Amino acid sequence: MNTNVGIQNEGVIAWDGLASFPRDIRKHARFGFSFEVTDVIAVDAVFNIQSAPPSDEDDCVAGDFVPVAEVPTCAGPAEPAAQATITIPAGTPVGTICAGTIPCRPDAFIQIASASGDTDNVSIVMIRQGPVL
């Protein structure tokens, strides 16, 4: 049997090492992120996850982004923080691919923004899965 994972899984650039690309998640059942280390990480690369509603002027454009709060999970913190972050530790080998997501759908648009460290040495793809019918 021949399968095409691209039909149900759309990979779109979320961070290119320099800029963040807001992505609409309203028409997808699930989403996650794939992080690739593209150069040496000497200082932890820390990213903030942000969300936004549609703008008042155009439903297809993101409004103002705000921090996504950390959500407690079985493996997560007992005391959630006001800002959900994803950290790629210093020393992670070049070529390493990591995955991450958040356990909620906080708004129509999601973006990952650089917080600190060697974030320019990481590229991020958002994988949106399955259309919402």
Protein backbone atom coordinates (compact mmCIF):
# COMPACT_ATOMS: atom_id res chain seq x y z
CA MET A 1 0.00 0.00 0.00
CA ASN A 2 1.26 3.45 -0.92
CA THR A 3 0.75 6.26 1.62
CA ASN A 4 1.37 10.00 1.53
CA VAL A 5 1.88 11.46 5.01
CA GLY A 6 1.81 14.97 3.48
CA ILE A 7 -1.94 14.71 2.88
CA GLN A 8 -2.86 14.68 6.58
CA ASN A 9 0.25 16.35 8.00
CA GLU A 10 1.16 19.87 6.84
CA GLY A 11 4.64 21.01 7.76
CA VAL A 12 5.05 24.79 7.71
CA ILE A 13 7.98 26.93 8.84
CA ALA A 14 7.39 28.37 12.32
CA TRP A 15 10.91 29.74 12.99
CA ASP A 16 13.75 30.04 10.48
CA GLY A 17 16.54 31.04 12.86
CA LEU A 18 15.77 34.75 12.50
CA ALA A 19 12.02 35.26 12.40
CA SER A 20 8.81 33.77 13.70
CA PHE A 21 5.93 32.87 11.38
CA PRO A 22 2.46 32.95 12.98
CA ARG A 23 0.32 29.96 11.97
CA ASP A 24 -3.44 29.49 11.95
CA ILE A 25 -4.52 26.30 13.76
CA ARG A 26 -8.31 26.67 13.44
CA LYS A 27 -8.71 24.24 10.54
CA HIS A 28 -6.55 21.45 11.98
CA ALA A 29 -7.29 18.75 14.52
CA ARG A 30 -3.82 18.72 16.13
CA PHE A 31 -0.46 20.46 15.90
CA GLY A 32 3.08 20.09 17.16
CA PHE A 33 6.58 21.35 16.50
CA SER A 34 9.75 19.77 15.15
CA PHE A 35 12.99 21.50 16.19
CA GLU A 36 16.25 20.94 14.29
CA VAL A 37 19.60 22.06 15.69
CA THR A 38 21.42 23.63 12.73
CA ASP A 39 24.57 24.90 14.45
CA VAL A 40 26.34 24.70 17.82
CA ILE A 41 24.20 25.61 20.82
CA ALA A 42 26.57 27.14 23.36
CA VAL A 43 23.80 28.78 25.42
CA ASP A 44 20.38 27.15 26.00
CA ALA A 45 18.03 28.16 23.17
CA VAL A 46 14.78 29.23 24.84
CA PHE A 47 11.57 29.85 22.91
CA ASN A 48 8.28 31.35 24.11
CA ILE A 49 4.97 30.07 22.81
CA GLN A 50 2.47 32.83 22.03
CA SER A 51 -1.10 32.91 20.74
CA ALA A 52 -3.41 35.47 19.17
CA PRO A 53 -7.02 35.79 18.11
CA PRO A 54 -7.82 36.95 14.59
CA SER A 55 -7.42 40.71 14.10
CA ASP A 56 -10.54 42.84 14.21
CA GLU A 57 -9.92 43.99 10.63
CA ASP A 58 -9.17 40.62 8.98
CA ASP A 59 -10.15 37.16 10.24
CA CYS A 60 -7.22 35.64 8.28
CA VAL A 61 -4.56 37.73 10.05
CA ALA A 62 -3.34 37.34 13.62
CA GLY A 63 -4.22 40.00 16.16
CA ASP A 64 -2.01 40.86 19.13
CA PHE A 65 0.08 37.98 20.47
CA VAL A 66 0.16 37.16 24.18
CA PRO A 67 2.07 34.54 26.17
CA VAL A 68 0.54 31.06 26.32
CA ALA A 69 0.45 29.99 29.95
CA GLU A 70 2.18 26.76 30.90
CA VAL A 71 -0.39 23.99 31.45
CA PRO A 72 0.23 21.38 34.15
CA THR A 73 0.44 17.82 32.80
CA CYS A 74 1.48 14.50 34.33
CA ALA A 75 5.10 15.20 33.35
CA GLY A 76 4.92 18.95 33.84
CA PRO A 77 5.23 21.35 36.75
CA ALA A 78 2.83 21.42 39.69
CA GLU A 79 3.02 25.21 39.67
CA PRO A 80 2.53 26.39 36.08
CA ALA A 81 4.27 29.51 34.82
CA ALA A 82 2.64 32.47 33.08
CA GLN A 83 4.74 31.76 29.96
CA ALA A 84 5.08 28.36 28.25
CA THR A 85 8.63 27.85 27.01
CA ILE A 86 10.56 25.20 25.13
CA THR A 87 14.30 24.91 25.76
CA ILE A 88 16.91 23.22 23.58
CA PRO A 89 19.84 22.66 25.97
CA ALA A 90 23.38 23.89 25.34
CA GLY A 91 25.51 21.12 23.89
CA THR A 92 22.68 19.48 21.94
CA PRO A 93 24.45 17.98 18.90
CA VAL A 94 24.06 19.61 15.47
CA GLY A 95 21.49 17.66 13.45
CA THR A 96 19.42 16.67 16.48
CA ILE A 97 15.68 16.76 15.89
CA CYS A 98 13.39 17.25 18.90
CA ALA A 99 9.62 17.46 19.12
CA GLY A 100 7.34 19.51 21.32
CA THR A 101 3.81 20.82 21.62
CA ILE A 102 1.36 22.30 24.07
CA PRO A 103 -1.66 20.43 25.44
CA CYS A 104 -4.21 23.09 24.52
CA ARG A 105 -5.59 25.26 21.73
CA PRO A 106 -5.32 28.72 23.29
CA ASP A 107 -6.39 30.78 20.27
CA ALA A 108 -6.65 30.91 16.47
CA PHE A 109 -2.97 31.63 15.82
CA ILE A 110 0.21 30.24 17.38
CA GLN A 111 3.79 31.42 17.05
CA ILE A 112 7.12 30.56 18.62
CA ALA A 113 9.27 33.54 19.53
CA SER A 114 12.92 33.72 20.53
CA ALA A 115 13.36 34.34 24.26
CA SER A 116 17.10 33.89 24.84
CA GLY A 117 20.22 31.98 23.92
CA ASP A 118 21.29 30.49 20.61
CA THR A 119 17.84 30.46 19.00
CA ASP A 120 19.36 31.43 15.66
CA ASN A 121 20.90 27.93 15.57
CA VAL A 122 17.53 26.18 15.56
CA SER A 123 14.90 25.87 12.85
CA ILE A 124 11.32 24.95 13.71
CA VAL A 125 8.56 23.41 11.63
CA MET A 126 4.95 23.37 12.82
CA ILE A 127 3.17 20.19 11.82
CA ARG A 128 -0.57 20.65 11.53
CA GLN A 129 -2.49 17.40 11.34
CA GLY A 130 -5.84 16.49 9.90
CA PRO A 131 -8.39 19.02 8.81
CA VAL A 132 -11.24 19.90 11.16
CA LEU A 133 -14.37 18.96 9.28
